[in-house]
Amino acid sequence: MSDFKGEVVFVTPTMSVNDKFKKRDITLKSQDEYPQYITFQLVQDKCDLANNLKPGDVVEVKYNLRGRKWEAQDGTIKYFNTIEAWTMSLSSAATPIVEKKPIKNYPVQNEESNDLPF
C-alpha cells in the first residue's frame, strides 16, 4: 500500500455498475512544482469516503495499484490498471510547493586582486 497527498479537484457521483458493484472516482492534484492529476477509484463501501469532500480540500490517500486482464469474445486481450483508494483523510495543512532559489550572484572581483571568491 502506498500513500499520496493532494488537493481535491473533482469527485464523481457514486455509480452503480450492477446490483452488486458500485464505484466512484476522485481526482487529486499533487502539490509538486509541476502538478500531476491522479484519479483514484473508490469501490463498494469505500465510496462513502468522499461524501463530504469538496474541491480545494487537501487529503491523504492510502491506495493500491491494481491490474487485470480482459479477453474479448473475439480473442482480443486488453490490460487495465486502477489506482484503488483504501483510506482517505483530510490533511491538516497543504504542503507548500517547493520554489527554486535564485543562484547567488558573487561580486565581480577587481582584476588586480588575487583573491578568489571561494
N, C-alpha and C. Protein backbone atom coordinates (compact mmCIF):
# COMPACT_ATOMS: atom_id res chain seq x y z
N MET A 1 0.85 -1.17 0.00
CA MET A 1 0.00 0.00 0.00
C MET A 1 0.90 1.23 0.00
N SER A 2 0.53 2.21 -0.81
CA SER A 2 1.27 3.46 -0.92
C SER A 2 0.38 4.60 -0.47
N ASP A 3 0.98 5.79 -0.34
CA ASP A 3 0.16 6.94 0.04
C ASP A 3 0.44 8.12 -0.87
N PHE A 4 -0.52 9.03 -0.91
CA PHE A 4 -0.47 10.19 -1.79
C PHE A 4 -1.20 11.33 -1.09
N LYS A 5 -0.67 12.54 -1.23
CA LYS A 5 -1.31 13.71 -0.65
C LYS A 5 -1.57 14.71 -1.77
N GLY A 6 -2.81 15.20 -1.84
CA GLY A 6 -3.12 16.15 -2.89
C GLY A 6 -4.41 16.92 -2.64
N GLU A 7 -4.66 17.86 -3.50
CA GLU A 7 -5.84 18.72 -3.41
C GLU A 7 -6.96 18.14 -4.26
N VAL A 8 -8.15 18.09 -3.70
CA VAL A 8 -9.31 17.57 -4.42
C VAL A 8 -9.64 18.50 -5.58
N VAL A 9 -9.75 17.92 -6.77
CA VAL A 9 -10.11 18.68 -7.96
C VAL A 9 -11.54 18.33 -8.38
N PHE A 10 -11.88 17.03 -8.33
CA PHE A 10 -13.17 16.58 -8.83
C PHE A 10 -13.57 15.28 -8.15
N VAL A 11 -14.83 15.16 -7.80
CA VAL A 11 -15.38 13.93 -7.22
C VAL A 11 -16.61 13.55 -8.03
N THR A 12 -16.63 12.33 -8.56
CA THR A 12 -17.80 11.89 -9.33
C THR A 12 -18.88 11.39 -8.38
N PRO A 13 -20.11 11.39 -8.83
CA PRO A 13 -21.16 10.75 -8.02
C PRO A 13 -20.93 9.24 -8.00
N THR A 14 -21.49 8.57 -7.01
CA THR A 14 -21.39 7.11 -6.94
C THR A 14 -22.19 6.51 -8.09
N MET A 15 -21.57 5.56 -8.79
CA MET A 15 -22.21 4.92 -9.92
C MET A 15 -22.42 3.44 -9.63
N SER A 16 -23.64 2.96 -9.79
CA SER A 16 -23.93 1.53 -9.62
C SER A 16 -23.70 0.84 -10.96
N VAL A 17 -22.66 0.02 -11.02
CA VAL A 17 -22.35 -0.71 -12.25
C VAL A 17 -23.38 -1.83 -12.43
N ASN A 18 -23.69 -2.52 -11.35
CA ASN A 18 -24.77 -3.50 -11.32
C ASN A 18 -25.27 -3.58 -9.88
N ASP A 19 -26.17 -4.50 -9.58
CA ASP A 19 -26.75 -4.53 -8.23
C ASP A 19 -25.75 -4.98 -7.16
N LYS A 20 -24.56 -5.46 -7.57
CA LYS A 20 -23.57 -5.92 -6.59
C LYS A 20 -22.29 -5.08 -6.57
N PHE A 21 -22.19 -4.11 -7.46
CA PHE A 21 -20.94 -3.35 -7.56
C PHE A 21 -21.21 -1.87 -7.80
N LYS A 22 -20.57 -1.02 -6.97
CA LYS A 22 -20.65 0.43 -7.17
C LYS A 22 -19.25 1.01 -7.07
N LYS A 23 -19.05 2.15 -7.74
CA LYS A 23 -17.74 2.79 -7.75
C LYS A 23 -17.89 4.29 -7.84
N ARG A 24 -16.77 4.98 -7.54
CA ARG A 24 -16.73 6.43 -7.53
C ARG A 24 -15.28 6.84 -7.77
N ASP A 25 -15.07 7.93 -8.50
CA ASP A 25 -13.72 8.42 -8.76
C ASP A 25 -13.49 9.74 -8.06
N ILE A 26 -12.25 9.95 -7.66
CA ILE A 26 -11.84 11.24 -7.08
C ILE A 26 -10.51 11.61 -7.73
N THR A 27 -10.44 12.83 -8.24
CA THR A 27 -9.21 13.31 -8.88
C THR A 27 -8.53 14.28 -7.94
N LEU A 28 -7.23 14.04 -7.70
CA LEU A 28 -6.42 14.89 -6.83
C LEU A 28 -5.29 15.50 -7.63
N LYS A 29 -4.90 16.72 -7.26
CA LYS A 29 -3.76 17.41 -7.86
C LYS A 29 -2.60 17.35 -6.88
N SER A 30 -1.46 16.85 -7.35
CA SER A 30 -0.29 16.78 -6.48
C SER A 30 0.19 18.18 -6.13
N GLN A 31 0.98 18.27 -5.08
CA GLN A 31 1.47 19.57 -4.63
C GLN A 31 2.93 19.76 -5.00
N ASP A 32 3.30 19.27 -6.17
CA ASP A 32 4.65 19.39 -6.68
C ASP A 32 4.81 20.68 -7.47
N GLU A 33 6.03 20.98 -7.83
CA GLU A 33 6.29 22.16 -8.66
C GLU A 33 5.57 22.02 -10.01
N TYR A 34 5.53 20.81 -10.54
CA TYR A 34 4.81 20.51 -11.77
C TYR A 34 3.70 19.53 -11.40
N PRO A 35 2.52 20.06 -11.04
CA PRO A 35 1.44 19.21 -10.50
C PRO A 35 1.00 18.11 -11.47
N GLN A 36 0.65 16.99 -10.88
CA GLN A 36 0.09 15.86 -11.61
C GLN A 36 -1.34 15.67 -11.15
N TYR A 37 -2.20 15.23 -12.04
CA TYR A 37 -3.60 14.98 -11.71
C TYR A 37 -3.80 13.46 -11.71
N ILE A 38 -4.10 12.92 -10.53
CA ILE A 38 -4.22 11.48 -10.36
C ILE A 38 -5.66 11.15 -9.97
N THR A 39 -6.26 10.18 -10.67
CA THR A 39 -7.62 9.76 -10.37
C THR A 39 -7.59 8.43 -9.62
N PHE A 40 -8.20 8.43 -8.44
CA PHE A 40 -8.31 7.24 -7.61
C PHE A 40 -9.73 6.70 -7.71
N GLN A 41 -9.86 5.39 -7.64
CA GLN A 41 -11.17 4.77 -7.66
C GLN A 41 -11.54 4.26 -6.27
N LEU A 42 -12.76 4.56 -5.87
CA LEU A 42 -13.31 4.05 -4.62
C LEU A 42 -14.38 3.03 -5.00
N VAL A 43 -14.39 1.87 -4.34
CA VAL A 43 -15.37 0.84 -4.67
C VAL A 43 -16.13 0.39 -3.43
N GLN A 44 -17.35 -0.08 -3.67
CA GLN A 44 -18.24 -0.62 -2.65
C GLN A 44 -18.40 0.35 -1.48
N ASP A 45 -18.16 -0.08 -0.25
CA ASP A 45 -18.38 0.77 0.92
C ASP A 45 -17.37 1.92 1.01
N LYS A 46 -16.27 1.87 0.25
CA LYS A 46 -15.27 2.95 0.25
C LYS A 46 -15.78 4.20 -0.47
N CYS A 47 -16.86 4.06 -1.26
CA CYS A 47 -17.44 5.22 -1.97
C CYS A 47 -17.83 6.32 -1.00
N ASP A 48 -18.23 5.94 0.20
CA ASP A 48 -18.67 6.92 1.19
C ASP A 48 -17.54 7.79 1.72
N LEU A 49 -16.29 7.40 1.52
CA LEU A 49 -15.16 8.20 2.00
C LEU A 49 -15.13 9.60 1.39
N ALA A 50 -15.71 9.75 0.20
CA ALA A 50 -15.66 11.04 -0.50
C ALA A 50 -16.94 11.86 -0.34
N ASN A 51 -17.86 11.41 0.50
CA ASN A 51 -19.16 12.10 0.62
C ASN A 51 -19.04 13.58 0.99
N ASN A 52 -18.16 13.94 1.88
CA ASN A 52 -18.09 15.32 2.38
C ASN A 52 -16.94 16.12 1.79
N LEU A 53 -16.28 15.58 0.77
CA LEU A 53 -15.15 16.29 0.17
C LEU A 53 -15.64 17.32 -0.83
N LYS A 54 -14.87 18.41 -0.93
CA LYS A 54 -15.18 19.44 -1.91
C LYS A 54 -13.88 19.90 -2.56
N PRO A 55 -13.95 20.46 -3.77
CA PRO A 55 -12.74 20.94 -4.42
C PRO A 55 -11.97 21.91 -3.52
N GLY A 56 -10.66 21.73 -3.49
CA GLY A 56 -9.80 22.57 -2.65
C GLY A 56 -9.37 21.90 -1.36
N ASP A 57 -10.13 20.88 -0.89
CA ASP A 57 -9.72 20.13 0.30
C ASP A 57 -8.41 19.40 0.01
N VAL A 58 -7.54 19.34 0.99
CA VAL A 58 -6.29 18.58 0.86
C VAL A 58 -6.46 17.29 1.64
N VAL A 59 -6.24 16.16 0.95
CA VAL A 59 -6.45 14.86 1.56
C VAL A 59 -5.22 13.97 1.41
N GLU A 60 -5.13 13.02 2.32
CA GLU A 60 -4.10 11.99 2.25
C GLU A 60 -4.81 10.68 1.94
N VAL A 61 -4.33 9.97 0.92
CA VAL A 61 -4.96 8.74 0.46
C VAL A 61 -3.97 7.60 0.56
N LYS A 62 -4.41 6.48 1.06
CA LYS A 62 -3.64 5.24 1.01
C LYS A 62 -4.28 4.40 -0.08
N TYR A 63 -3.46 3.84 -0.97
CA TYR A 63 -4.01 3.17 -2.15
C TYR A 63 -3.19 1.95 -2.55
N ASN A 64 -3.80 1.14 -3.39
CA ASN A 64 -3.14 0.00 -4.02
C ASN A 64 -3.24 0.17 -5.53
N LEU A 65 -2.20 -0.22 -6.22
CA LEU A 65 -2.22 -0.23 -7.67
C LEU A 65 -2.71 -1.61 -8.09
N ARG A 66 -3.80 -1.64 -8.86
CA ARG A 66 -4.41 -2.89 -9.26
C ARG A 66 -4.32 -3.04 -10.78
N GLY A 67 -4.26 -4.25 -11.26
CA GLY A 67 -4.22 -4.50 -12.70
C GLY A 67 -4.98 -5.79 -13.01
N ARG A 68 -5.58 -5.81 -14.19
CA ARG A 68 -6.28 -7.04 -14.56
C ARG A 68 -6.24 -7.22 -16.07
N LYS A 69 -6.49 -8.44 -16.46
CA LYS A 69 -6.50 -8.83 -17.86
C LYS A 69 -7.95 -9.07 -18.27
N TRP A 70 -8.32 -8.64 -19.49
CA TRP A 70 -9.67 -8.85 -20.00
C TRP A 70 -9.56 -9.38 -21.42
N GLU A 71 -10.31 -10.43 -21.71
CA GLU A 71 -10.29 -11.01 -23.05
C GLU A 71 -11.68 -10.89 -23.67
N ALA A 72 -11.73 -10.28 -24.85
CA ALA A 72 -12.99 -10.10 -25.57
C ALA A 72 -13.39 -11.42 -26.23
N GLN A 73 -14.62 -11.50 -26.69
CA GLN A 73 -15.12 -12.71 -27.33
C GLN A 73 -14.35 -13.03 -28.61
N ASP A 74 -13.79 -12.01 -29.27
CA ASP A 74 -13.02 -12.25 -30.50
C ASP A 74 -11.57 -12.63 -30.22
N GLY A 75 -11.21 -12.76 -28.95
CA GLY A 75 -9.86 -13.16 -28.57
C GLY A 75 -8.92 -12.00 -28.29
N THR A 76 -9.37 -10.76 -28.50
CA THR A 76 -8.55 -9.59 -28.21
C THR A 76 -8.33 -9.49 -26.71
N ILE A 77 -7.08 -9.27 -26.33
CA ILE A 77 -6.74 -9.16 -24.91
C ILE A 77 -6.37 -7.72 -24.60
N LYS A 78 -6.92 -7.21 -23.50
CA LYS A 78 -6.59 -5.86 -23.02
C LYS A 78 -6.22 -5.95 -21.55
N TYR A 79 -5.36 -5.01 -21.12
CA TYR A 79 -4.94 -4.93 -19.73
C TYR A 79 -5.36 -3.58 -19.18
N PHE A 80 -5.84 -3.56 -17.95
CA PHE A 80 -6.31 -2.35 -17.31
C PHE A 80 -5.60 -2.15 -15.98
N ASN A 81 -5.32 -0.90 -15.65
CA ASN A 81 -4.76 -0.54 -14.35
C ASN A 81 -5.74 0.35 -13.61
N THR A 82 -5.81 0.19 -12.31
CA THR A 82 -6.66 1.01 -11.46
C THR A 82 -5.88 1.39 -10.22
N ILE A 83 -6.02 2.64 -9.80
CA ILE A 83 -5.45 3.09 -8.53
C ILE A 83 -6.61 3.09 -7.55
N GLU A 84 -6.64 2.10 -6.68
CA GLU A 84 -7.78 1.90 -5.79
C GLU A 84 -7.50 2.43 -4.39
N ALA A 85 -8.26 3.44 -3.97
CA ALA A 85 -8.09 4.04 -2.65
C ALA A 85 -8.71 3.15 -1.58
N TRP A 86 -7.99 3.04 -0.44
CA TRP A 86 -8.48 2.23 0.69
C TRP A 86 -8.87 3.09 1.87
N THR A 87 -8.09 4.11 2.15
CA THR A 87 -8.43 5.04 3.23
C THR A 87 -8.15 6.45 2.74
N MET A 88 -8.86 7.40 3.33
CA MET A 88 -8.69 8.79 2.95
C MET A 88 -8.97 9.65 4.16
N SER A 89 -8.14 10.67 4.37
CA SER A 89 -8.38 11.57 5.49
C SER A 89 -8.00 12.99 5.08
N LEU A 90 -8.72 13.96 5.66
CA LEU A 90 -8.38 15.36 5.42
C LEU A 90 -7.02 15.65 6.03
N SER A 91 -6.22 16.40 5.33
CA SER A 91 -4.90 16.78 5.81
C SER A 91 -5.03 18.08 6.60
N SER A 92 -4.20 18.23 7.61
CA SER A 92 -4.29 19.43 8.45
C SER A 92 -3.84 20.69 7.72
N ALA A 93 -2.89 20.56 6.80
CA ALA A 93 -2.41 21.73 6.06
C ALA A 93 -1.80 21.29 4.75
N ALA A 94 -1.87 22.17 3.80
CA ALA A 94 -1.27 21.89 2.49
C ALA A 94 0.24 22.02 2.59
N THR A 95 0.94 21.17 1.85
CA THR A 95 2.39 21.26 1.78
C THR A 95 2.73 22.31 0.74
N PRO A 96 3.56 23.30 1.09
CA PRO A 96 3.86 24.35 0.12
C PRO A 96 4.62 23.79 -1.07
N ILE A 97 4.37 24.37 -2.23
CA ILE A 97 5.11 23.98 -3.42
C ILE A 97 6.54 24.46 -3.25
N VAL A 98 7.48 23.59 -3.61
CA VAL A 98 8.89 23.92 -3.47
C VAL A 98 9.26 24.95 -4.54
N GLU A 99 9.84 26.04 -4.10
CA GLU A 99 10.23 27.08 -5.03
C GLU A 99 11.73 26.98 -5.30
N LYS A 100 12.09 27.28 -6.54
CA LYS A 100 13.51 27.30 -6.88
C LYS A 100 14.13 28.55 -6.29
N LYS A 101 15.30 28.40 -5.66
CA LYS A 101 16.00 29.55 -5.10
C LYS A 101 16.92 30.13 -6.17
N PRO A 102 17.01 31.45 -6.23
CA PRO A 102 17.89 32.05 -7.23
C PRO A 102 19.35 31.75 -6.90
N ILE A 103 20.14 31.69 -7.95
CA ILE A 103 21.58 31.47 -7.77
C ILE A 103 22.17 32.76 -7.21
N LYS A 104 23.02 32.61 -6.18
CA LYS A 104 23.63 33.76 -5.54
C LYS A 104 24.64 34.39 -6.49
N ASN A 105 24.54 35.68 -6.66
CA ASN A 105 25.49 36.40 -7.50
C ASN A 105 26.65 36.89 -6.64
N TYR A 106 27.83 36.46 -6.98
CA TYR A 106 29.02 36.91 -6.26
C TYR A 106 29.49 38.23 -6.85
N PRO A 107 30.05 39.12 -6.02
CA PRO A 107 30.53 40.40 -6.55
C PRO A 107 31.68 40.18 -7.53
N VAL A 108 31.74 41.02 -8.53
CA VAL A 108 32.81 40.92 -9.52
C VAL A 108 34.10 41.36 -8.85
N GLN A 109 35.12 40.56 -9.03
CA GLN A 109 36.41 40.86 -8.42
C GLN A 109 37.22 41.80 -9.31
N ASN A 110 37.96 42.64 -8.65
CA ASN A 110 38.87 43.54 -9.35
C ASN A 110 39.94 42.68 -10.00
N GLU A 111 40.31 43.00 -11.28
CA GLU A 111 41.29 42.19 -12.00
C GLU A 111 42.64 42.20 -11.29
N GLU A 112 42.94 43.26 -10.56
CA GLU A 112 44.22 43.34 -9.89
C GLU A 112 44.27 42.49 -8.62
N SER A 113 43.12 42.09 -8.14
CA SER A 113 43.07 41.31 -6.91
C SER A 113 43.38 39.86 -7.17
N ASN A 114 44.11 39.23 -6.29
CA ASN A 114 44.42 37.81 -6.40
C ASN A 114 43.47 36.98 -5.54
N ASP A 115 42.53 37.64 -4.88
CA ASP A 115 41.60 36.93 -4.02
C ASP A 115 40.59 36.14 -4.87
N LEU A 116 40.41 34.91 -4.53
CA LEU A 116 39.41 34.08 -5.23
C LEU A 116 38.10 34.16 -4.47
N PRO A 117 36.98 34.07 -5.17
CA PRO A 117 35.69 34.20 -4.49
C PRO A 117 35.28 32.96 -3.69
N PHE A 118 36.12 31.94 -3.65
CA PHE A 118 35.75 30.74 -2.89
C PHE A 118 36.85 30.30 -1.96
